[in-house]
Amino acid sequence: MLVSLPTLPQLPSALRNQLELTYLKYATEILPLSYTEFIRNEFHIDLTTQYAGLPIQSPFGKASGQLSMTSRQVADDVSAGLGFIVLKTVIAQDESGAQTMQDWVSTETKMVVEPIVGAEGDTGWTVTWKGRGWSRSFNDYLNLIREANQISGDQCLIVPSCKYHLPGPHQQLWNEDEYRFTTKALYEAWNSSRVGEKKSMPLEKDFSPTLAGDRLSEVREQILNWLNEVPRLIRASLTNPDQIRIGLKLFNTLFEDEFQLELLNQIHKGEHHPDFFIYGNRLFDPRREFEGHLGVAYGGPDLSDRNLRILTRYRQLNTAQNILPLSATGNINSGRRAVEYMLCGAENFQMHTYFQLPASEYSCKVGNKTHKALHELYFHPEQGLIAWLVHLAQLLDMPDKQISFSKLVQEIKSRNATLDH
């Protein structure tokens, strides 16, 4: 079944009026309830879904980066109503503190948020930054995990992110000590506040977009081998493989689209596959310079265009039942864009750039920046998630009194619905 979204959602006039009033009213007034409760009560939409097979209250989450590296940032996001938060990526180390991926640690960080125009003329935003992974101590990162879980409780899922050793060209050996020490420490920190039986920890293995321009990514077979071996090594680090739920955050290589499809084939059909995957990390321009450094990762319209094109093609070649759970990322700047990824099988959406746009880009003038972003993502009468979920439910002939986000996802998968690009 091919689904192509129109320019505007097809909505009953009463619902369109209700959305317009809600959008305007709560641009200057604080919501009386949380977003999820308000939307359930007023629009009869249940937003609960899953991340890594774990329940979350909202499909929107924050991707790993500079906006998820302090307890204060976590507290602001929890109060705003995010479903999950992926913490800044930590660089794995062994017991002595040695890090084979030390080059991805940077104490100098500078970010610039700027408009960008895609190849097809569409406009958007990108963030360029100098800096890579977590630069403070590993113990500081473990403390952040503990504090974040205490702050979030059951309201918001906290997800660690890690970059482990990857062997370079002509290297055969993996630094298994790094995998064992880091994974065990992350797991213990994540479960430290839990009484009784410990839970399965979600973990994102970050394949940084900067890998696309690094000598490590020169050999295609090597990249495919990474995708096969990394899940095995992470699982082997713990006593029971069920203690962890591994997600591979796939990066956009500098190779052609066919190789991106090979990456997806590898994680689905390889000997050691992850539990879920995140697609897809930012594009990389080896010719662009920023702050004296040549080679820059970027986002915007070209990123979502490529991601959706690849995911669509992959779904057309494979049945939905055989596709791993997907957490979508990449230029998610509206509810409509989120639904485009949803039609490719996404169960949730993670963003970073959208939470740091200039204040003028949000119509909401109350609450923190995450709250303002969610107001736009949910309530916009033409581009918001509520409007497009109603449109989708009607299109799929699911006229329930209450629309269930999870049921919509399952219906899309069962029908193998994809976007027609």
Protein backbone atom coordinates (compact mmCIF):
# COMPACT_ATOMS: atom_id res chain seq x y z
CA MET A 1 0.00 0.00 0.00
CA LEU A 2 1.51 3.33 -1.06
CA VAL A 3 0.53 6.44 0.90
CA SER A 4 1.29 9.94 -0.36
CA LEU A 5 0.51 12.85 1.94
CA PRO A 6 -1.29 15.86 0.45
CA THR A 7 -0.09 19.40 1.11
CA LEU A 8 -2.76 19.93 3.78
CA PRO A 9 -4.49 17.43 6.09
CA GLN A 10 -8.10 16.55 5.35
CA LEU A 11 -9.98 17.36 8.58
CA PRO A 12 -13.58 17.80 9.70
CA SER A 13 -14.29 21.55 9.92
CA ALA A 14 -15.14 21.37 13.63
CA LEU A 15 -11.79 19.75 14.42
CA ARG A 16 -9.91 22.26 12.27
CA ASN A 17 -11.58 25.12 14.17
CA GLN A 18 -10.77 23.49 17.51
CA LEU A 19 -7.12 23.11 16.52
CA GLU A 20 -6.86 26.71 15.37
CA LEU A 21 -8.34 27.98 18.64
CA THR A 22 -6.07 25.71 20.70
CA TYR A 23 -2.99 26.77 18.75
CA LEU A 24 -3.73 30.46 19.30
CA LYS A 25 -4.90 30.23 22.91
CA TYR A 26 -1.98 28.23 24.26
CA ALA A 27 0.57 30.33 22.45
CA THR A 28 0.14 32.81 25.32
CA GLU A 29 -1.34 30.64 28.09
CA ILE A 30 0.17 27.70 29.96
CA LEU A 31 -1.63 24.41 29.33
CA PRO A 32 -3.80 23.33 32.28
CA LEU A 33 -2.54 19.73 31.87
CA SER A 34 0.45 18.00 30.33
CA TYR A 35 0.47 17.81 26.55
CA THR A 36 -0.38 14.10 26.56
CA GLU A 37 -3.26 14.47 29.03
CA PHE A 38 -4.63 17.55 27.28
CA ILE A 39 -4.51 15.91 23.86
CA ARG A 40 -6.14 12.74 25.21
CA ASN A 41 -8.97 14.72 26.82
CA GLU A 42 -9.57 17.37 24.15
CA PHE A 43 -8.76 15.53 20.94
CA HIS A 44 -9.26 11.88 21.98
CA ILE A 45 -5.78 10.85 20.85
CA ASP A 46 -3.65 8.47 22.90
CA LEU A 47 0.00 9.32 22.20
CA THR A 48 1.61 6.47 24.11
CA THR A 49 4.05 4.41 22.08
CA GLN A 50 7.37 2.59 22.50
CA TYR A 51 11.07 3.23 22.36
CA ALA A 52 13.25 0.10 22.26
CA GLY A 53 10.18 -1.90 23.25
CA LEU A 54 9.75 0.20 26.41
CA PRO A 55 6.62 2.32 26.97
CA ILE A 56 6.83 6.10 26.54
CA GLN A 57 4.11 8.72 26.99
CA SER A 58 4.91 10.77 23.90
CA PRO A 59 6.48 9.91 20.54
CA PHE A 60 8.71 13.02 20.65
CA GLY A 61 12.14 12.83 22.25
CA LYS A 62 15.45 14.67 22.33
CA ALA A 63 18.36 13.28 20.33
CA SER A 64 21.82 13.03 21.81
CA GLY A 65 23.84 16.25 21.80
CA GLN A 66 24.69 19.50 23.54
CA LEU A 67 21.12 19.91 24.80
CA SER A 68 21.12 16.70 26.87
CA MET A 69 24.24 16.89 28.98
CA THR A 70 23.12 18.45 32.27
CA SER A 71 20.54 17.67 34.94
CA ARG A 72 18.99 21.10 34.39
CA GLN A 73 18.39 20.36 30.71
CA VAL A 74 16.83 17.02 31.63
CA ALA A 75 14.55 18.66 34.20
CA ASP A 76 13.37 21.25 31.66
CA ASP A 77 12.61 18.54 29.09
CA VAL A 78 10.76 16.34 31.59
CA SER A 79 8.61 19.26 32.72
CA ALA A 80 7.86 20.14 29.09
CA GLY A 81 6.60 16.63 28.37
CA LEU A 82 9.13 14.79 26.20
CA GLY A 83 8.68 11.04 25.92
CA PHE A 84 12.40 10.23 26.07
CA ILE A 85 15.80 11.89 26.27
CA VAL A 86 18.98 10.50 24.74
CA LEU A 87 21.92 11.79 26.73
CA LYS A 88 25.06 13.27 25.20
CA THR A 89 27.30 10.56 23.72
CA VAL A 90 30.01 9.30 26.06
CA ILE A 91 33.24 7.81 24.73
CA ALA A 92 33.88 4.27 25.95
CA GLN A 93 36.92 3.51 28.09
CA ASP A 94 38.54 0.56 29.80
CA GLU A 95 39.07 0.25 33.55
CA SER A 96 42.29 2.28 33.40
CA GLY A 97 40.48 5.17 31.69
CA ALA A 98 42.11 4.63 28.27
CA GLN A 99 39.92 5.45 25.25
CA THR A 100 40.67 4.17 21.76
CA MET A 101 38.16 6.70 20.34
CA GLN A 102 39.79 9.61 22.18
CA ASP A 103 39.65 11.73 19.00
CA TRP A 104 35.89 12.04 19.52
CA VAL A 105 36.38 13.81 22.87
CA SER A 106 36.46 17.59 22.59
CA THR A 107 36.49 20.16 25.39
CA GLU A 108 35.89 22.99 22.92
CA THR A 109 32.32 23.41 21.81
CA LYS A 110 30.75 26.09 19.66
CA MET A 111 27.36 25.90 17.99
CA VAL A 112 25.83 28.00 15.24
CA VAL A 113 22.15 27.65 14.29
CA GLU A 114 21.51 28.88 10.77
CA PRO A 115 19.04 28.58 7.88
CA ILE A 116 19.84 26.13 5.11
CA VAL A 117 18.41 25.60 1.64
CA GLY A 118 18.12 22.07 0.25
CA ALA A 119 18.95 20.88 -3.23
CA GLU A 120 15.27 21.10 -4.23
CA GLY A 121 14.91 24.64 -2.91
CA ASP A 122 13.23 23.76 0.41
CA THR A 123 14.32 25.80 3.41
CA GLY A 124 15.15 24.57 6.89
CA TRP A 125 17.63 24.84 9.72
CA THR A 126 20.94 23.23 10.56
CA VAL A 127 23.27 23.36 13.54
CA THR A 128 27.00 23.40 12.99
CA TRP A 129 29.19 22.76 15.99
CA LYS A 130 32.77 22.32 16.94
CA GLY A 131 32.99 19.49 19.43
CA ARG A 132 32.11 15.84 19.50
CA GLY A 133 31.45 13.48 22.40
CA TRP A 134 31.26 13.89 26.18
CA SER A 135 34.35 15.76 27.40
CA ARG A 136 33.97 15.50 31.17
CA SER A 137 34.93 12.45 33.21
CA PHE A 138 33.27 9.07 32.81
CA ASN A 139 32.15 9.24 36.46
CA ASP A 140 30.45 12.55 35.70
CA TYR A 141 28.51 10.80 32.94
CA LEU A 142 27.46 8.00 35.29
CA ASN A 143 26.28 10.64 37.77
CA LEU A 144 24.26 12.32 35.01
CA ILE A 145 22.51 9.01 34.27
CA ARG A 146 21.64 8.58 37.96
CA GLU A 147 20.40 12.15 38.37
CA ALA A 148 18.44 12.07 35.11
CA ASN A 149 16.60 8.91 36.13
CA GLN A 150 15.76 10.41 39.52
CA ILE A 151 14.42 13.55 37.87
CA SER A 152 12.39 11.73 35.20
CA GLY A 153 10.91 8.91 37.27
CA ASP A 154 8.28 7.20 35.15
CA GLN A 155 7.45 10.34 33.16
CA CYS A 156 10.29 10.22 30.64
CA LEU A 157 12.67 7.47 29.49
CA ILE A 158 16.38 8.25 29.89
CA VAL A 159 18.66 6.69 27.27
CA PRO A 160 22.48 6.63 27.49
CA SER A 161 24.45 6.99 24.25
CA CYS A 162 27.94 5.64 23.71
CA LYS A 163 30.67 5.52 21.10
CA TYR A 164 32.73 2.32 21.43
CA HIS A 165 35.97 1.25 19.79
CA LEU A 166 35.80 0.61 16.05
CA PRO A 167 38.85 -0.99 14.40
CA GLY A 168 40.35 0.97 11.52
CA PRO A 169 41.53 -0.22 8.13
CA HIS A 170 43.64 -3.38 8.28
CA GLN A 171 42.90 -3.82 12.01
CA GLN A 172 41.32 -7.06 13.18
CA LEU A 173 41.23 -6.80 16.97
CA TRP A 174 38.47 -5.16 18.95
CA ASN A 175 39.11 -3.53 22.32
CA GLU A 176 36.75 -5.79 24.21
CA ASP A 177 37.90 -4.39 27.58
CA GLU A 178 36.32 -1.07 26.63
CA TYR A 179 33.04 -2.75 25.76
CA ARG A 180 32.93 -4.76 28.99
CA PHE A 181 33.91 -2.00 31.41
CA THR A 182 31.78 0.75 29.85
CA THR A 183 28.63 -1.31 29.32
CA LYS A 184 28.67 -2.72 32.85
CA ALA A 185 29.17 0.74 34.36
CA LEU A 186 26.37 2.27 32.29
CA TYR A 187 24.00 -0.55 33.21
CA GLU A 188 24.71 -0.29 36.94
CA ALA A 189 24.30 3.50 36.91
CA TRP A 190 21.05 3.31 34.96
CA ASN A 191 19.61 0.80 37.44
CA SER A 192 21.11 2.32 40.59
CA SER A 193 17.87 3.86 41.88
CA ARG A 194 15.70 0.83 41.18
CA VAL A 195 14.53 -1.30 44.07
CA GLY A 196 14.24 -5.03 43.42
CA GLU A 197 14.67 -6.50 39.96
CA LYS A 198 16.72 -4.41 37.54
CA LYS A 199 15.25 -3.43 34.18
CA SER A 200 16.57 -3.71 30.64
CA MET A 201 18.56 -0.61 29.78
CA PRO A 202 18.07 1.04 26.38
CA LEU A 203 21.36 2.10 24.82
CA GLU A 204 22.14 3.95 21.62
CA LYS A 205 25.40 3.02 19.94
CA ASP A 206 26.32 6.21 18.15
CA PHE A 207 27.92 6.01 14.72
CA SER A 208 28.80 9.70 14.53
CA PRO A 209 28.14 11.56 11.26
CA THR A 210 31.77 12.69 11.41
CA LEU A 211 32.73 9.06 10.75
CA ALA A 212 31.68 9.71 7.16
CA GLY A 213 34.74 11.89 6.69
CA ASP A 214 37.13 9.89 8.84
CA ARG A 215 39.74 7.41 7.62
CA LEU A 216 37.88 4.73 9.64
CA SER A 217 35.08 4.68 7.06
CA GLU A 218 37.24 4.18 3.98
CA VAL A 219 36.40 0.49 3.54
CA ARG A 220 32.80 -0.61 2.96
CA GLU A 221 33.22 -4.16 4.23
CA GLN A 222 34.68 -2.76 7.41
CA ILE A 223 31.55 -0.69 8.09
CA LEU A 224 29.32 -3.72 7.53
CA ASN A 225 31.50 -5.68 9.94
CA TRP A 226 31.08 -2.97 12.58
CA LEU A 227 27.30 -3.30 12.36
CA ASN A 228 27.52 -7.05 12.88
CA GLU A 229 30.10 -7.15 15.67
CA VAL A 230 29.11 -4.18 17.82
CA PRO A 231 25.78 -5.67 19.06
CA ARG A 232 27.54 -8.95 19.87
CA LEU A 233 30.27 -7.24 21.90
CA ILE A 234 27.83 -5.06 23.83
CA ARG A 235 25.58 -8.00 24.72
CA ALA A 236 28.57 -10.15 25.72
CA SER A 237 29.57 -7.44 28.22
CA LEU A 238 26.67 -8.29 30.52
CA THR A 239 25.68 -11.50 32.27
CA ASN A 240 22.36 -11.74 30.46
CA PRO A 241 21.73 -10.31 26.97
CA ASP A 242 18.19 -9.38 28.07
CA GLN A 243 19.70 -6.78 30.40
CA ILE A 244 20.17 -4.39 27.51
CA ARG A 245 18.28 -3.19 24.42
CA ILE A 246 20.73 -2.07 21.78
CA GLY A 247 19.96 0.55 19.17
CA LEU A 248 22.40 1.35 16.36
CA LYS A 249 22.31 4.99 15.26
CA LEU A 250 23.20 4.67 11.60
CA PHE A 251 25.10 7.42 9.88
CA ASN A 252 24.80 8.69 6.33
CA THR A 253 27.95 7.60 4.56
CA LEU A 254 29.51 9.42 1.62
CA PHE A 255 28.69 6.40 -0.52
CA GLU A 256 25.65 6.09 -2.79
CA ASP A 257 22.12 5.17 -1.71
CA GLU A 258 22.68 1.51 -2.52
CA PHE A 259 25.24 1.27 0.26
CA GLN A 260 22.78 2.79 2.74
CA LEU A 261 20.42 -0.07 1.82
CA GLU A 262 23.30 -2.48 2.49
CA LEU A 263 23.64 -0.99 5.98
CA LEU A 264 19.96 -1.64 6.65
CA ASN A 265 20.24 -5.15 5.25
CA GLN A 266 23.20 -5.83 7.51
CA ILE A 267 21.48 -4.87 10.75
CA HIS A 268 18.39 -6.89 9.83
CA LYS A 269 19.92 -9.99 8.30
CA GLY A 270 23.36 -10.16 9.88
CA GLU A 271 24.30 -12.76 12.46
CA HIS A 272 24.15 -10.28 15.35
CA HIS A 273 21.42 -7.69 14.90
CA PRO A 274 20.42 -4.85 17.28
CA ASP A 275 17.08 -4.64 19.07
CA PHE A 276 16.15 -1.44 17.24
CA PHE A 277 17.77 1.21 15.09
CA ILE A 278 17.92 4.98 14.76
CA TYR A 279 17.92 6.44 11.26
CA GLY A 280 19.65 8.46 10.12
CA ASN A 281 22.42 10.62 11.39
CA ARG A 282 23.36 13.85 9.70
CA LEU A 283 24.91 14.33 6.30
CA PHE A 284 28.59 15.20 5.99
CA ASP A 285 30.26 17.76 3.73
CA PRO A 286 34.03 17.14 3.55
CA ARG A 287 34.55 20.46 1.73
CA ARG A 288 32.84 22.80 4.17
CA GLU A 289 34.93 24.58 6.81
CA PHE A 290 33.87 25.65 10.30
CA GLU A 291 36.09 27.32 12.88
CA GLY A 292 39.23 26.28 11.06
CA HIS A 293 38.14 22.64 10.72
CA LEU A 294 37.51 21.15 7.28
CA GLY A 295 34.59 18.74 7.09
CA VAL A 296 31.21 19.51 8.68
CA ALA A 297 28.08 17.50 9.49
CA TYR A 298 24.81 19.19 8.56
CA GLY A 299 21.06 18.68 8.52
CA GLY A 300 18.07 20.34 6.90
CA PRO A 301 15.86 19.32 3.94
CA ASP A 302 18.49 17.25 2.13
CA LEU A 303 18.86 15.06 5.23
CA SER A 304 15.17 14.22 5.57
CA ASP A 305 14.87 13.78 1.79
CA ARG A 306 17.64 11.17 1.77
CA ASN A 307 16.47 9.44 4.93
CA LEU A 308 12.89 9.10 3.72
CA ARG A 309 14.02 7.97 0.30
CA ILE A 310 16.21 5.22 1.75
CA LEU A 311 13.65 4.06 4.33
CA THR A 312 10.91 3.99 1.71
CA ARG A 313 12.99 1.90 -0.66
CA TYR A 314 13.95 -0.48 2.10
CA ARG A 315 10.34 -1.01 3.16
CA GLN A 316 9.31 -1.61 -0.44
CA LEU A 317 11.90 -4.38 -0.64
CA ASN A 318 11.01 -5.99 2.70
CA THR A 319 7.86 -6.85 4.60
CA ALA A 320 7.06 -4.70 7.61
CA GLN A 321 7.04 -7.71 9.93
CA ASN A 322 10.76 -8.23 9.30
CA ILE A 323 11.81 -4.64 10.02
CA LEU A 324 13.27 -3.75 13.41
CA PRO A 325 11.65 -1.02 15.53
CA LEU A 326 12.70 2.38 14.21
CA SER A 327 13.43 5.61 16.05
CA ALA A 328 13.44 8.32 13.38
CA THR A 329 15.67 11.37 13.29
CA GLY A 330 16.72 13.90 10.69
CA ASN A 331 15.12 17.30 10.03
CA ILE A 332 11.94 16.53 11.98
CA ASN A 333 10.56 20.05 12.08
CA SER A 334 6.81 19.43 12.06
CA GLY A 335 4.14 16.89 12.89
CA ARG A 336 3.73 16.31 9.16
CA ARG A 337 7.40 15.36 8.81
CA ALA A 338 7.04 13.05 11.79
CA VAL A 339 4.13 11.28 10.07
CA GLU A 340 6.25 10.89 6.93
CA TYR A 341 8.76 8.97 9.03
CA MET A 342 5.88 7.13 10.72
CA LEU A 343 4.78 5.88 7.31
CA CYS A 344 8.26 4.41 6.98
CA GLY A 345 7.71 2.45 10.20
CA ALA A 346 8.93 4.89 12.87
CA GLU A 347 7.54 4.31 16.37
CA ASN A 348 8.96 7.57 17.75
CA PHE A 349 10.87 10.67 16.69
CA GLN A 350 13.99 12.29 18.09
CA MET A 351 15.17 15.81 17.37
CA HIS A 352 17.94 18.16 18.37
CA THR A 353 18.06 21.13 16.00
CA TYR A 354 14.34 21.88 16.36
CA PHE A 355 14.76 22.60 20.07
CA GLN A 356 17.26 25.41 19.50
CA LEU A 357 15.72 27.57 16.79
CA PRO A 358 15.41 31.34 17.26
CA ALA A 359 12.45 32.28 19.48
CA SER A 360 10.72 33.90 16.50
CA GLU A 361 10.27 30.44 14.92
CA TYR A 362 7.84 29.37 17.67
CA SER A 363 4.39 30.94 17.99
CA CYS A 364 4.26 29.90 21.67
CA LYS A 365 5.60 32.58 24.03
CA VAL A 366 5.28 30.76 27.36
CA GLY A 367 7.29 27.94 28.93
CA ASN A 368 10.78 26.75 28.11
CA LYS A 369 12.03 26.17 24.58
CA THR A 370 11.09 22.48 24.58
CA HIS A 371 7.54 23.39 25.59
CA LYS A 372 7.38 25.93 22.76
CA ALA A 373 8.64 23.41 20.23
CA LEU A 374 6.06 20.81 21.33
CA HIS A 375 3.28 23.39 21.03
CA GLU A 376 4.23 23.82 17.37
CA LEU A 377 4.73 20.11 16.74
CA TYR A 378 1.36 19.14 18.21
CA PHE A 379 -1.07 21.99 17.62
CA HIS A 380 -0.19 23.67 14.33
CA PRO A 381 -3.46 23.43 12.34
CA GLU A 382 -1.74 22.54 9.06
CA GLN A 383 1.62 21.02 10.02
CA GLY A 384 1.00 19.65 13.52
CA LEU A 385 0.91 16.02 14.61
CA ILE A 386 -2.72 16.08 15.80
CA ALA A 387 -3.97 17.18 12.40
CA TRP A 388 -1.95 14.56 10.54
CA LEU A 389 -2.84 11.71 12.90
CA VAL A 390 -6.51 12.43 12.32
CA HIS A 391 -5.88 12.58 8.58
CA LEU A 392 -4.02 9.27 8.71
CA ALA A 393 -6.69 7.54 10.82
CA GLN A 394 -9.32 8.53 8.27
CA LEU A 395 -7.13 7.43 5.37
CA LEU A 396 -6.55 4.01 6.94
CA ASP A 397 -10.24 3.73 7.82
CA MET A 398 -9.70 3.54 11.57
CA PRO A 399 -12.70 5.52 12.86
CA ASP A 400 -12.27 4.67 16.57
CA LYS A 401 -13.64 7.12 19.12
CA GLN A 402 -10.09 7.50 20.39
CA ILE A 403 -7.16 7.48 17.99
CA SER A 404 -4.24 5.40 19.25
CA PHE A 405 -0.78 6.34 18.02
CA SER A 406 0.47 2.80 18.71
CA LYS A 407 -2.42 1.23 16.79
CA LEU A 408 -1.72 3.50 13.83
CA VAL A 409 1.91 2.38 13.83
CA GLN A 410 0.90 -1.28 13.92
CA GLU A 411 -1.67 -0.76 11.16
CA ILE A 412 0.95 0.87 8.95
CA LYS A 413 3.32 -2.03 9.55
CA SER A 414 0.66 -4.64 8.90
CA ARG A 415 -0.26 -3.03 5.60
CA ASN A 416 3.39 -2.34 4.77
CA ALA A 417 2.41 1.27 4.04
CA THR A 418 5.19 3.45 2.68
CA LEU A 419 5.67 6.90 1.29
CA ASP A 420 5.46 7.42 -2.45
CA HIS A 421 8.40 9.72 -3.20
